[in-house]
Amino acid sequence: MQVNVNPYQPARGVSDALADDASSHVSLRLTKSVIRKAEDQYLLRLHMMRLSIGSIAMIFASLILVATMASQGLIMFLIGVFASLAGSTLGYLALVHHSKVRVRKRIFEFGLVAGADCEVRSNKDQLTLISPAGEFHWPNSVVKVHASGSGLLACPEAMMFVYVPKQSQFHDESYKNFRKRVVARSAR
């Protein structure tokens, strides 16, 4: 039996083969720590520029404060260091607080709360979330996906995310293949 291979035909890539497959799905139980980790990743990606500029401003202000206090003695230097640490912490919280409140309200509306059993499905047309609050569908063309070392963050709407940790229960595939399929199908 001889197979005819056309050497001029481009090879079909792995991502093409993964994207064509019927469906990928995963079951997961949300915990408080998983939700907080996903929320932190989402807010970092959402406010990357704001946090970068804020960091530079806080570093500059801290340097001026510490340098000024250092010239007045050791005790004042230590007070300046701790004041700059406290000020930086409050500054970072202030930069993302409003968005954090809106995101928490939004994911609560979708049933993404601690202890919830959810299922995420992805096929060639859409991403689906099944949660205690119902079944939600988004076309792949609007879903932005971000892979991290600990899981996959899918952002289908403003102030909304779906997070799939690596330790979830994947059906008929590994996390790596699930991630490749979802990323290949998404808007990126």
N, C-alpha and C. Protein backbone atom coordinates (compact mmCIF):
# COMPACT_ATOMS: atom_id res chain seq x y z
N MET A 1 0.84 -1.17 0.00
CA MET A 1 0.00 0.00 0.00
C MET A 1 0.89 1.24 0.00
N GLN A 2 0.70 2.08 -0.97
CA GLN A 2 1.53 3.26 -1.11
C GLN A 2 0.68 4.50 -0.87
N VAL A 3 1.23 5.44 -0.06
CA VAL A 3 0.53 6.68 0.23
C VAL A 3 1.15 7.78 -0.62
N ASN A 4 0.30 8.50 -1.32
CA ASN A 4 0.78 9.61 -2.14
C ASN A 4 0.93 10.86 -1.27
N VAL A 5 2.12 11.39 -1.21
CA VAL A 5 2.41 12.59 -0.44
C VAL A 5 2.81 13.68 -1.41
N ASN A 6 2.15 14.78 -1.34
CA ASN A 6 2.48 15.91 -2.18
C ASN A 6 3.50 16.77 -1.43
N PRO A 7 4.76 16.83 -1.90
CA PRO A 7 5.77 17.60 -1.18
C PRO A 7 5.55 19.11 -1.27
N TYR A 8 4.69 19.57 -2.16
CA TYR A 8 4.45 20.99 -2.32
C TYR A 8 3.28 21.49 -1.48
N GLN A 9 2.56 20.56 -0.88
CA GLN A 9 1.44 20.94 -0.03
C GLN A 9 1.98 21.27 1.36
N PRO A 10 1.59 22.41 1.92
CA PRO A 10 2.11 22.75 3.25
C PRO A 10 1.60 21.76 4.29
N ALA A 11 2.47 21.49 5.25
CA ALA A 11 2.11 20.56 6.32
C ALA A 11 1.04 21.18 7.19
N ARG A 12 0.19 20.35 7.70
CA ARG A 12 -0.86 20.83 8.60
C ARG A 12 -0.26 20.93 9.99
N GLY A 13 -0.36 22.11 10.61
CA GLY A 13 0.24 22.34 11.92
C GLY A 13 -0.56 21.70 13.04
N VAL A 14 0.09 21.58 14.17
CA VAL A 14 -0.54 21.00 15.35
C VAL A 14 -1.71 21.86 15.80
N SER A 15 -1.53 23.18 15.77
CA SER A 15 -2.61 24.05 16.23
C SER A 15 -3.85 23.94 15.32
N ASP A 16 -3.63 23.72 14.01
CA ASP A 16 -4.77 23.53 13.11
C ASP A 16 -5.53 22.26 13.45
N ALA A 17 -4.79 21.20 13.72
CA ALA A 17 -5.43 19.92 14.05
C ALA A 17 -6.19 20.03 15.37
N LEU A 18 -5.63 20.75 16.34
CA LEU A 18 -6.30 20.89 17.63
C LEU A 18 -7.55 21.75 17.51
N ALA A 19 -7.49 22.81 16.71
CA ALA A 19 -8.63 23.73 16.59
C ALA A 19 -9.80 23.06 15.89
N ASP A 20 -9.54 22.10 15.01
CA ASP A 20 -10.61 21.45 14.27
C ASP A 20 -11.39 20.43 15.09
N ASP A 21 -10.80 19.94 16.16
CA ASP A 21 -11.45 18.90 16.95
C ASP A 21 -12.76 19.42 17.54
N ALA A 22 -13.65 18.50 17.79
CA ALA A 22 -15.01 18.83 18.17
C ALA A 22 -15.15 19.68 19.43
N SER A 23 -14.73 19.18 20.58
CA SER A 23 -15.01 19.90 21.80
C SER A 23 -13.98 19.57 22.87
N SER A 24 -13.72 20.53 23.70
CA SER A 24 -12.85 20.36 24.86
C SER A 24 -13.65 20.79 26.08
N HIS A 25 -13.54 20.05 27.15
CA HIS A 25 -14.22 20.50 28.35
C HIS A 25 -13.49 20.07 29.60
N VAL A 26 -13.74 20.85 30.67
CA VAL A 26 -13.08 20.65 31.94
C VAL A 26 -14.07 20.93 33.07
N SER A 27 -13.97 20.15 34.12
CA SER A 27 -14.79 20.38 35.32
C SER A 27 -13.88 20.93 36.40
N LEU A 28 -14.40 21.88 37.15
CA LEU A 28 -13.58 22.45 38.21
C LEU A 28 -14.43 22.90 39.38
N ARG A 29 -13.83 22.86 40.55
CA ARG A 29 -14.46 23.37 41.77
C ARG A 29 -13.67 24.60 42.18
N LEU A 30 -14.36 25.69 42.27
CA LEU A 30 -13.70 26.95 42.61
C LEU A 30 -13.45 27.05 44.10
N THR A 31 -12.27 27.50 44.44
CA THR A 31 -11.92 27.78 45.83
C THR A 31 -11.62 29.27 45.96
N LYS A 32 -11.59 29.74 47.19
CA LYS A 32 -11.31 31.15 47.42
C LYS A 32 -9.93 31.53 46.89
N SER A 33 -8.96 30.66 47.09
CA SER A 33 -7.60 30.98 46.64
C SER A 33 -7.50 30.99 45.11
N VAL A 34 -8.21 30.10 44.44
CA VAL A 34 -8.21 30.08 42.97
C VAL A 34 -8.86 31.35 42.43
N ILE A 35 -9.96 31.77 43.03
CA ILE A 35 -10.64 32.98 42.59
C ILE A 35 -9.75 34.20 42.81
N ARG A 36 -9.09 34.28 43.95
CA ARG A 36 -8.20 35.43 44.23
C ARG A 36 -7.02 35.46 43.28
N LYS A 37 -6.44 34.30 43.00
CA LYS A 37 -5.31 34.23 42.07
C LYS A 37 -5.74 34.70 40.68
N ALA A 38 -6.90 34.23 40.24
CA ALA A 38 -7.40 34.62 38.92
C ALA A 38 -7.73 36.11 38.88
N GLU A 39 -8.32 36.61 39.95
CA GLU A 39 -8.65 38.03 40.03
C GLU A 39 -7.38 38.88 39.95
N ASP A 40 -6.34 38.47 40.66
CA ASP A 40 -5.07 39.20 40.62
C ASP A 40 -4.48 39.20 39.22
N GLN A 41 -4.50 38.05 38.55
CA GLN A 41 -3.97 37.98 37.19
C GLN A 41 -4.79 38.85 36.24
N TYR A 42 -6.10 38.82 36.39
CA TYR A 42 -6.96 39.63 35.53
C TYR A 42 -6.69 41.12 35.74
N LEU A 43 -6.62 41.56 36.99
CA LEU A 43 -6.40 42.98 37.27
C LEU A 43 -5.02 43.43 36.81
N LEU A 44 -4.02 42.57 36.93
CA LEU A 44 -2.69 42.92 36.42
C LEU A 44 -2.72 43.13 34.92
N ARG A 45 -3.40 42.26 34.21
CA ARG A 45 -3.49 42.39 32.74
C ARG A 45 -4.36 43.57 32.33
N LEU A 46 -5.41 43.84 33.10
CA LEU A 46 -6.32 44.92 32.78
C LEU A 46 -5.67 46.29 32.98
N HIS A 47 -4.89 46.42 34.05
CA HIS A 47 -4.31 47.71 34.42
C HIS A 47 -2.79 47.71 34.33
N MET A 48 -2.25 47.06 33.33
CA MET A 48 -0.80 46.96 33.19
C MET A 48 -0.13 48.34 33.12
N MET A 49 -0.64 49.22 32.29
CA MET A 49 -0.02 50.54 32.14
C MET A 49 -0.19 51.38 33.40
N ARG A 50 -1.39 51.36 33.97
CA ARG A 50 -1.66 52.14 35.18
C ARG A 50 -0.74 51.69 36.32
N LEU A 51 -0.57 50.38 36.48
CA LEU A 51 0.29 49.86 37.54
C LEU A 51 1.76 50.16 37.27
N SER A 52 2.16 50.12 36.01
CA SER A 52 3.56 50.42 35.67
C SER A 52 3.90 51.88 35.98
N ILE A 53 3.06 52.79 35.55
CA ILE A 53 3.30 54.20 35.81
C ILE A 53 3.19 54.48 37.31
N GLY A 54 2.22 53.89 37.96
CA GLY A 54 2.08 54.04 39.41
C GLY A 54 3.29 53.52 40.15
N SER A 55 3.86 52.41 39.70
CA SER A 55 5.06 51.86 40.34
C SER A 55 6.23 52.81 40.22
N ILE A 56 6.42 53.38 39.04
CA ILE A 56 7.52 54.31 38.85
C ILE A 56 7.33 55.54 39.74
N ALA A 57 6.11 56.05 39.81
CA ALA A 57 5.84 57.22 40.65
C ALA A 57 6.07 56.90 42.13
N MET A 58 5.63 55.72 42.58
CA MET A 58 5.81 55.36 43.98
C MET A 58 7.27 55.12 44.33
N ILE A 59 8.02 54.54 43.41
CA ILE A 59 9.46 54.34 43.64
C ILE A 59 10.15 55.69 43.77
N PHE A 60 9.83 56.61 42.87
CA PHE A 60 10.42 57.93 42.90
C PHE A 60 10.08 58.65 44.21
N ALA A 61 8.81 58.63 44.60
CA ALA A 61 8.38 59.28 45.84
C ALA A 61 9.03 58.63 47.06
N SER A 62 9.14 57.31 47.04
CA SER A 62 9.77 56.60 48.16
C SER A 62 11.24 56.96 48.28
N LEU A 63 11.93 57.06 47.15
CA LEU A 63 13.35 57.44 47.18
C LEU A 63 13.54 58.83 47.76
N ILE A 64 12.70 59.76 47.35
CA ILE A 64 12.79 61.12 47.88
C ILE A 64 12.51 61.13 49.38
N LEU A 65 11.47 60.42 49.81
CA LEU A 65 11.11 60.36 51.23
C LEU A 65 12.23 59.73 52.05
N VAL A 66 12.74 58.61 51.61
CA VAL A 66 13.79 57.91 52.37
C VAL A 66 15.08 58.73 52.39
N ALA A 67 15.43 59.33 51.27
CA ALA A 67 16.65 60.15 51.23
C ALA A 67 16.52 61.36 52.16
N THR A 68 15.35 61.98 52.18
CA THR A 68 15.13 63.13 53.06
C THR A 68 15.20 62.71 54.53
N MET A 69 14.59 61.60 54.84
CA MET A 69 14.56 61.12 56.23
C MET A 69 15.93 60.60 56.67
N ALA A 70 16.71 60.05 55.75
CA ALA A 70 18.04 59.51 56.09
C ALA A 70 18.98 60.60 56.58
N SER A 71 18.82 61.80 56.07
CA SER A 71 19.69 62.89 56.49
C SER A 71 19.39 63.37 57.91
N GLN A 72 18.28 62.90 58.50
CA GLN A 72 17.89 63.33 59.84
C GLN A 72 18.17 62.27 60.90
N GLY A 73 18.84 61.19 60.56
CA GLY A 73 19.23 60.18 61.54
C GLY A 73 18.64 58.82 61.23
N LEU A 74 19.13 57.81 61.98
CA LEU A 74 18.73 56.41 61.76
C LEU A 74 17.26 56.17 62.05
N ILE A 75 16.76 56.72 63.15
CA ILE A 75 15.35 56.50 63.51
C ILE A 75 14.43 57.09 62.44
N MET A 76 14.73 58.28 61.99
CA MET A 76 13.91 58.91 60.95
C MET A 76 14.03 58.15 59.63
N PHE A 77 15.21 57.60 59.35
CA PHE A 77 15.40 56.79 58.14
C PHE A 77 14.48 55.57 58.18
N LEU A 78 14.44 54.86 59.32
CA LEU A 78 13.58 53.68 59.46
C LEU A 78 12.10 54.06 59.36
N ILE A 79 11.75 55.20 59.95
CA ILE A 79 10.37 55.68 59.83
C ILE A 79 10.04 55.96 58.36
N GLY A 80 10.97 56.55 57.64
CA GLY A 80 10.78 56.84 56.21
C GLY A 80 10.61 55.58 55.38
N VAL A 81 11.41 54.54 55.70
CA VAL A 81 11.30 53.26 54.98
C VAL A 81 9.92 52.65 55.20
N PHE A 82 9.49 52.58 56.47
CA PHE A 82 8.19 51.98 56.74
C PHE A 82 7.04 52.82 56.20
N ALA A 83 7.19 54.14 56.22
CA ALA A 83 6.16 55.01 55.65
C ALA A 83 6.06 54.81 54.14
N SER A 84 7.21 54.65 53.49
CA SER A 84 7.17 54.44 52.03
C SER A 84 6.57 53.08 51.70
N LEU A 85 6.85 52.05 52.52
CA LEU A 85 6.23 50.74 52.29
C LEU A 85 4.71 50.81 52.46
N ALA A 86 4.27 51.46 53.53
CA ALA A 86 2.83 51.59 53.76
C ALA A 86 2.17 52.42 52.66
N GLY A 87 2.82 53.51 52.27
CA GLY A 87 2.28 54.35 51.20
C GLY A 87 2.18 53.62 49.87
N SER A 88 3.20 52.81 49.56
CA SER A 88 3.18 52.03 48.31
C SER A 88 2.06 51.01 48.33
N THR A 89 1.88 50.35 49.45
CA THR A 89 0.80 49.36 49.57
C THR A 89 -0.55 50.02 49.35
N LEU A 90 -0.78 51.13 50.02
CA LEU A 90 -2.05 51.85 49.86
C LEU A 90 -2.20 52.37 48.43
N GLY A 91 -1.11 52.81 47.84
CA GLY A 91 -1.14 53.30 46.45
C GLY A 91 -1.55 52.21 45.48
N TYR A 92 -0.95 51.01 45.60
CA TYR A 92 -1.32 49.90 44.72
C TYR A 92 -2.78 49.51 44.89
N LEU A 93 -3.23 49.45 46.13
CA LEU A 93 -4.63 49.11 46.38
C LEU A 93 -5.57 50.15 45.78
N ALA A 94 -5.19 51.41 45.88
CA ALA A 94 -6.03 52.48 45.34
C ALA A 94 -6.10 52.42 43.81
N LEU A 95 -5.01 51.99 43.17
CA LEU A 95 -4.99 51.93 41.70
C LEU A 95 -5.98 50.92 41.13
N VAL A 96 -6.25 49.84 41.85
CA VAL A 96 -7.11 48.78 41.30
C VAL A 96 -8.39 48.54 42.10
N HIS A 97 -8.60 49.30 43.17
CA HIS A 97 -9.74 49.01 44.06
C HIS A 97 -11.08 49.05 43.34
N HIS A 98 -11.35 50.10 42.57
CA HIS A 98 -12.65 50.24 41.91
C HIS A 98 -12.89 49.07 40.94
N SER A 99 -11.87 48.71 40.18
CA SER A 99 -12.01 47.59 39.24
C SER A 99 -12.20 46.28 39.99
N LYS A 100 -11.50 46.11 41.10
CA LYS A 100 -11.63 44.88 41.87
C LYS A 100 -13.06 44.69 42.37
N VAL A 101 -13.67 45.76 42.84
CA VAL A 101 -15.06 45.69 43.32
C VAL A 101 -15.99 45.32 42.17
N ARG A 102 -15.80 45.95 41.00
CA ARG A 102 -16.65 45.66 39.84
C ARG A 102 -16.48 44.22 39.35
N VAL A 103 -15.24 43.73 39.33
CA VAL A 103 -14.96 42.37 38.88
C VAL A 103 -15.60 41.37 39.83
N ARG A 104 -15.46 41.59 41.13
CA ARG A 104 -16.05 40.66 42.10
C ARG A 104 -17.57 40.60 41.97
N LYS A 105 -18.18 41.74 41.74
CA LYS A 105 -19.64 41.77 41.56
C LYS A 105 -20.02 41.01 40.29
N ARG A 106 -19.25 41.22 39.23
CA ARG A 106 -19.55 40.60 37.93
C ARG A 106 -19.40 39.08 37.98
N ILE A 107 -18.31 38.59 38.57
CA ILE A 107 -18.14 37.13 38.61
C ILE A 107 -19.15 36.48 39.54
N PHE A 108 -19.61 37.22 40.55
CA PHE A 108 -20.68 36.71 41.42
C PHE A 108 -21.96 36.52 40.62
N GLU A 109 -22.26 37.46 39.71
CA GLU A 109 -23.45 37.35 38.86
C GLU A 109 -23.41 36.11 37.97
N PHE A 110 -22.20 35.68 37.60
CA PHE A 110 -22.03 34.50 36.76
C PHE A 110 -21.90 33.21 37.58
N GLY A 111 -22.01 33.30 38.89
CA GLY A 111 -21.95 32.12 39.75
C GLY A 111 -20.56 31.63 40.05
N LEU A 112 -19.55 32.45 39.80
CA LEU A 112 -18.16 32.05 40.06
C LEU A 112 -17.79 32.44 41.49
N VAL A 113 -18.20 31.62 42.43
CA VAL A 113 -17.96 31.86 43.85
C VAL A 113 -17.28 30.63 44.45
N ALA A 114 -16.68 30.81 45.61
CA ALA A 114 -15.99 29.71 46.28
C ALA A 114 -16.96 28.57 46.55
N GLY A 115 -16.53 27.36 46.23
CA GLY A 115 -17.35 26.17 46.43
C GLY A 115 -18.21 25.79 45.24
N ALA A 116 -18.25 26.62 44.22
CA ALA A 116 -19.10 26.35 43.05
C ALA A 116 -18.45 25.29 42.16
N ASP A 117 -19.26 24.35 41.70
CA ASP A 117 -18.81 23.37 40.71
C ASP A 117 -19.18 23.91 39.34
N CYS A 118 -18.17 24.06 38.49
CA CYS A 118 -18.39 24.64 37.17
C CYS A 118 -17.82 23.74 36.09
N GLU A 119 -18.25 23.99 34.88
CA GLU A 119 -17.70 23.30 33.72
C GLU A 119 -17.44 24.33 32.64
N VAL A 120 -16.30 24.20 31.98
CA VAL A 120 -15.93 25.08 30.88
C VAL A 120 -15.79 24.21 29.64
N ARG A 121 -16.48 24.61 28.57
CA ARG A 121 -16.41 23.87 27.31
C ARG A 121 -15.95 24.82 26.21
N SER A 122 -15.20 24.26 25.31
CA SER A 122 -14.74 25.04 24.16
C SER A 122 -14.89 24.18 22.92
N ASN A 123 -15.55 24.73 21.92
CA ASN A 123 -15.61 24.06 20.63
C ASN A 123 -15.17 25.05 19.56
N LYS A 124 -15.31 24.69 18.32
CA LYS A 124 -14.79 25.56 17.26
C LYS A 124 -15.53 26.89 17.15
N ASP A 125 -16.72 27.00 17.73
CA ASP A 125 -17.50 28.22 17.62
C ASP A 125 -17.56 29.08 18.87
N GLN A 126 -17.55 28.46 20.05
CA GLN A 126 -17.81 29.24 21.26
C GLN A 126 -17.16 28.65 22.51
N LEU A 127 -17.07 29.50 23.51
CA LEU A 127 -16.64 29.10 24.85
C LEU A 127 -17.90 29.11 25.71
N THR A 128 -18.08 28.05 26.49
CA THR A 128 -19.27 27.92 27.31
C THR A 128 -18.87 27.74 28.76
N LEU A 129 -19.55 28.46 29.65
CA LEU A 129 -19.38 28.31 31.09
C LEU A 129 -20.69 27.80 31.66
N ILE A 130 -20.62 26.70 32.38
CA ILE A 130 -21.79 26.17 33.08
C ILE A 130 -21.49 26.30 34.56
N SER A 131 -22.27 27.13 35.23
CA SER A 131 -22.07 27.40 36.66
C SER A 131 -23.40 27.28 37.38
N PRO A 132 -23.41 27.40 38.70
CA PRO A 132 -24.69 27.35 39.42
C PRO A 132 -25.67 28.46 38.99
N ALA A 133 -25.16 29.53 38.40
CA ALA A 133 -26.03 30.63 37.96
C ALA A 133 -26.62 30.40 36.57
N GLY A 134 -26.16 29.36 35.86
CA GLY A 134 -26.70 29.09 34.54
C GLY A 134 -25.63 28.72 33.53
N GLU A 135 -26.03 28.75 32.28
CA GLU A 135 -25.13 28.41 31.18
C GLU A 135 -24.91 29.67 30.34
N PHE A 136 -23.63 29.99 30.11
CA PHE A 136 -23.28 31.23 29.41
C PHE A 136 -22.39 30.88 28.22
N HIS A 137 -22.66 31.52 27.08
CA HIS A 137 -21.93 31.25 25.84
C HIS A 137 -21.34 32.54 25.29
N TRP A 138 -20.10 32.44 24.77
CA TRP A 138 -19.45 33.56 24.11
C TRP A 138 -18.80 33.05 22.83
N PRO A 139 -18.93 33.79 21.74
CA PRO A 139 -18.24 33.39 20.50
C PRO A 139 -16.72 33.46 20.72
N ASN A 140 -16.00 32.52 20.13
CA ASN A 140 -14.54 32.50 20.28
C ASN A 140 -13.89 33.78 19.80
N SER A 141 -14.53 34.47 18.86
CA SER A 141 -13.94 35.68 18.29
C SER A 141 -13.82 36.82 19.31
N VAL A 142 -14.57 36.78 20.41
CA VAL A 142 -14.50 37.85 21.41
C VAL A 142 -13.74 37.43 22.67
N VAL A 143 -13.37 36.17 22.78
CA VAL A 143 -12.69 35.67 23.98
C VAL A 143 -11.19 35.89 23.85
N LYS A 144 -10.64 36.59 24.82
CA LYS A 144 -9.19 36.78 24.88
C LYS A 144 -8.65 35.82 25.93
N VAL A 145 -7.59 35.09 25.56
CA VAL A 145 -7.05 34.06 26.43
C VAL A 145 -5.62 34.40 26.81
N HIS A 146 -5.31 34.22 28.10
CA HIS A 146 -3.97 34.44 28.62
C HIS A 146 -3.56 33.20 29.40
N ALA A 147 -2.47 32.59 28.97
CA ALA A 147 -1.95 31.41 29.68
C ALA A 147 -0.92 31.87 30.70
N SER A 148 -0.95 31.26 31.87
CA SER A 148 0.04 31.56 32.90
C SER A 148 0.62 30.24 33.40
N GLY A 149 1.53 30.32 34.31
CA GLY A 149 2.14 29.11 34.84
C GLY A 149 1.19 28.26 35.65
N SER A 150 0.13 28.86 36.16
CA SER A 150 -0.78 28.12 37.02
C SER A 150 -2.13 27.81 36.40
N GLY A 151 -2.41 28.32 35.22
CA GLY A 151 -3.70 28.05 34.60
C GLY A 151 -3.96 28.91 33.38
N LEU A 152 -5.21 28.91 32.96
CA LEU A 152 -5.65 29.61 31.76
C LEU A 152 -6.71 30.63 32.14
N LEU A 153 -6.51 31.88 31.73
CA LEU A 153 -7.44 32.96 32.02
C LEU A 153 -8.12 33.36 30.72
N ALA A 154 -9.43 33.15 30.64
CA ALA A 154 -10.21 33.53 29.46
C ALA A 154 -11.05 34.74 29.82
N CYS A 155 -10.99 35.77 28.99
CA CYS A 155 -11.72 37.01 29.24
C CYS A 155 -12.75 37.23 28.13
N PRO A 156 -14.00 36.78 28.36
CA PRO A 156 -15.02 36.89 27.31
C PRO A 156 -15.73 38.23 27.25
N GLU A 157 -15.74 38.98 28.36
CA GLU A 157 -16.44 40.26 28.44
C GLU A 157 -15.63 41.21 29.31
N ALA A 158 -16.02 42.48 29.27
CA ALA A 158 -15.38 43.45 30.15
C ALA A 158 -15.71 43.12 31.61
N MET A 159 -14.72 43.20 32.44
CA MET A 159 -14.85 42.95 33.88
C MET A 159 -15.36 41.54 34.19
N MET A 160 -15.00 40.59 33.35
CA MET A 160 -15.42 39.21 33.52
C MET A 160 -14.31 38.29 33.05
N PHE A 161 -14.05 37.23 33.82
CA PHE A 161 -13.05 36.25 33.42
C PHE A 161 -13.50 34.86 33.83
N VAL A 162 -12.94 33.89 33.15
CA VAL A 162 -13.13 32.49 33.51
C VAL A 162 -11.72 31.92 33.65
N TYR A 163 -11.43 31.36 34.81
CA TYR A 163 -10.09 30.85 35.09
C TYR A 163 -10.13 29.33 35.22
N VAL A 164 -9.24 28.66 34.51
CA VAL A 164 -9.14 27.20 34.56
C VAL A 164 -7.76 26.84 35.11
N PRO A 165 -7.69 26.42 36.38
CA PRO A 165 -6.39 26.04 36.95
C PRO A 165 -5.87 24.74 36.33
N LYS A 166 -4.56 24.56 36.36
CA LYS A 166 -3.95 23.34 35.83
C LYS A 166 -4.46 22.09 36.54
N GLN A 167 -4.82 22.22 37.80
CA GLN A 167 -5.22 21.06 38.59
C GLN A 167 -6.68 20.69 38.43
N SER A 168 -7.34 21.21 37.44
CA SER A 168 -8.75 20.89 37.20
C SER A 168 -8.88 19.50 36.60
N GLN A 169 -10.12 19.02 36.54
CA GLN A 169 -10.40 17.70 35.99
C GLN A 169 -10.71 17.83 34.50
N PHE A 170 -9.72 17.49 33.67
CA PHE A 170 -9.88 17.61 32.22
C PHE A 170 -10.43 16.30 31.67
N HIS A 171 -11.40 16.42 30.76
CA HIS A 171 -12.05 15.25 30.17
C HIS A 171 -11.37 14.92 28.84
N ASP A 172 -10.87 13.73 28.73
CA ASP A 172 -10.31 13.19 27.48
C ASP A 172 -9.08 13.92 26.95
N GLU A 173 -8.40 14.72 27.78
CA GLU A 173 -7.19 15.39 27.33
C GLU A 173 -6.43 15.98 28.52
N SER A 174 -5.24 16.44 28.27
CA SER A 174 -4.42 17.05 29.31
C SER A 174 -4.65 18.56 29.34
N TYR A 175 -4.15 19.20 30.37
CA TYR A 175 -4.24 20.66 30.45
C TYR A 175 -3.54 21.30 29.26
N LYS A 176 -2.40 20.76 28.90
CA LYS A 176 -1.62 21.33 27.79
C LYS A 176 -2.42 21.33 26.49
N ASN A 177 -3.07 20.22 26.18
CA ASN A 177 -3.88 20.16 24.95
C ASN A 177 -5.11 21.06 25.04
N PHE A 178 -5.74 21.09 26.22
CA PHE A 178 -6.89 21.98 26.41
C PHE A 178 -6.47 23.42 26.16
N ARG A 179 -5.36 23.83 26.75
CA ARG A 179 -4.85 25.19 26.58
C ARG A 179 -4.57 25.49 25.11
N LYS A 180 -3.92 24.55 24.40
CA LYS A 180 -3.62 24.77 22.99
C LYS A 180 -4.89 24.96 22.16
N ARG A 181 -5.90 24.14 22.44
CA ARG A 181 -7.16 24.25 21.70
C ARG A 181 -7.85 25.57 21.95
N VAL A 182 -7.95 25.95 23.21
CA VAL A 182 -8.65 27.19 23.55
C VAL A 182 -7.92 28.40 22.99
N VAL A 183 -6.60 28.42 23.09
CA VAL A 183 -5.82 29.53 22.57
C VAL A 183 -5.93 29.60 21.04
N ALA A 184 -5.91 28.46 20.36
CA ALA A 184 -6.00 28.43 18.89
C ALA A 184 -7.37 28.94 18.41
N ARG A 185 -8.40 28.75 19.22
CA ARG A 185 -9.75 29.13 18.82
C ARG A 185 -10.11 30.57 19.21
N SER A 186 -9.34 31.19 20.08
CA SER A 186 -9.72 32.48 20.65
C SER A 186 -9.28 33.66 19.81
N ALA A 187 -9.70 34.86 20.28
CA ALA A 187 -9.34 36.11 19.63
C ALA A 187 -7.91 36.51 19.96
N ARG A 188 -7.35 35.92 20.96
CA ARG A 188 -6.00 36.21 21.49
C ARG A 188 -5.95 37.59 21.91
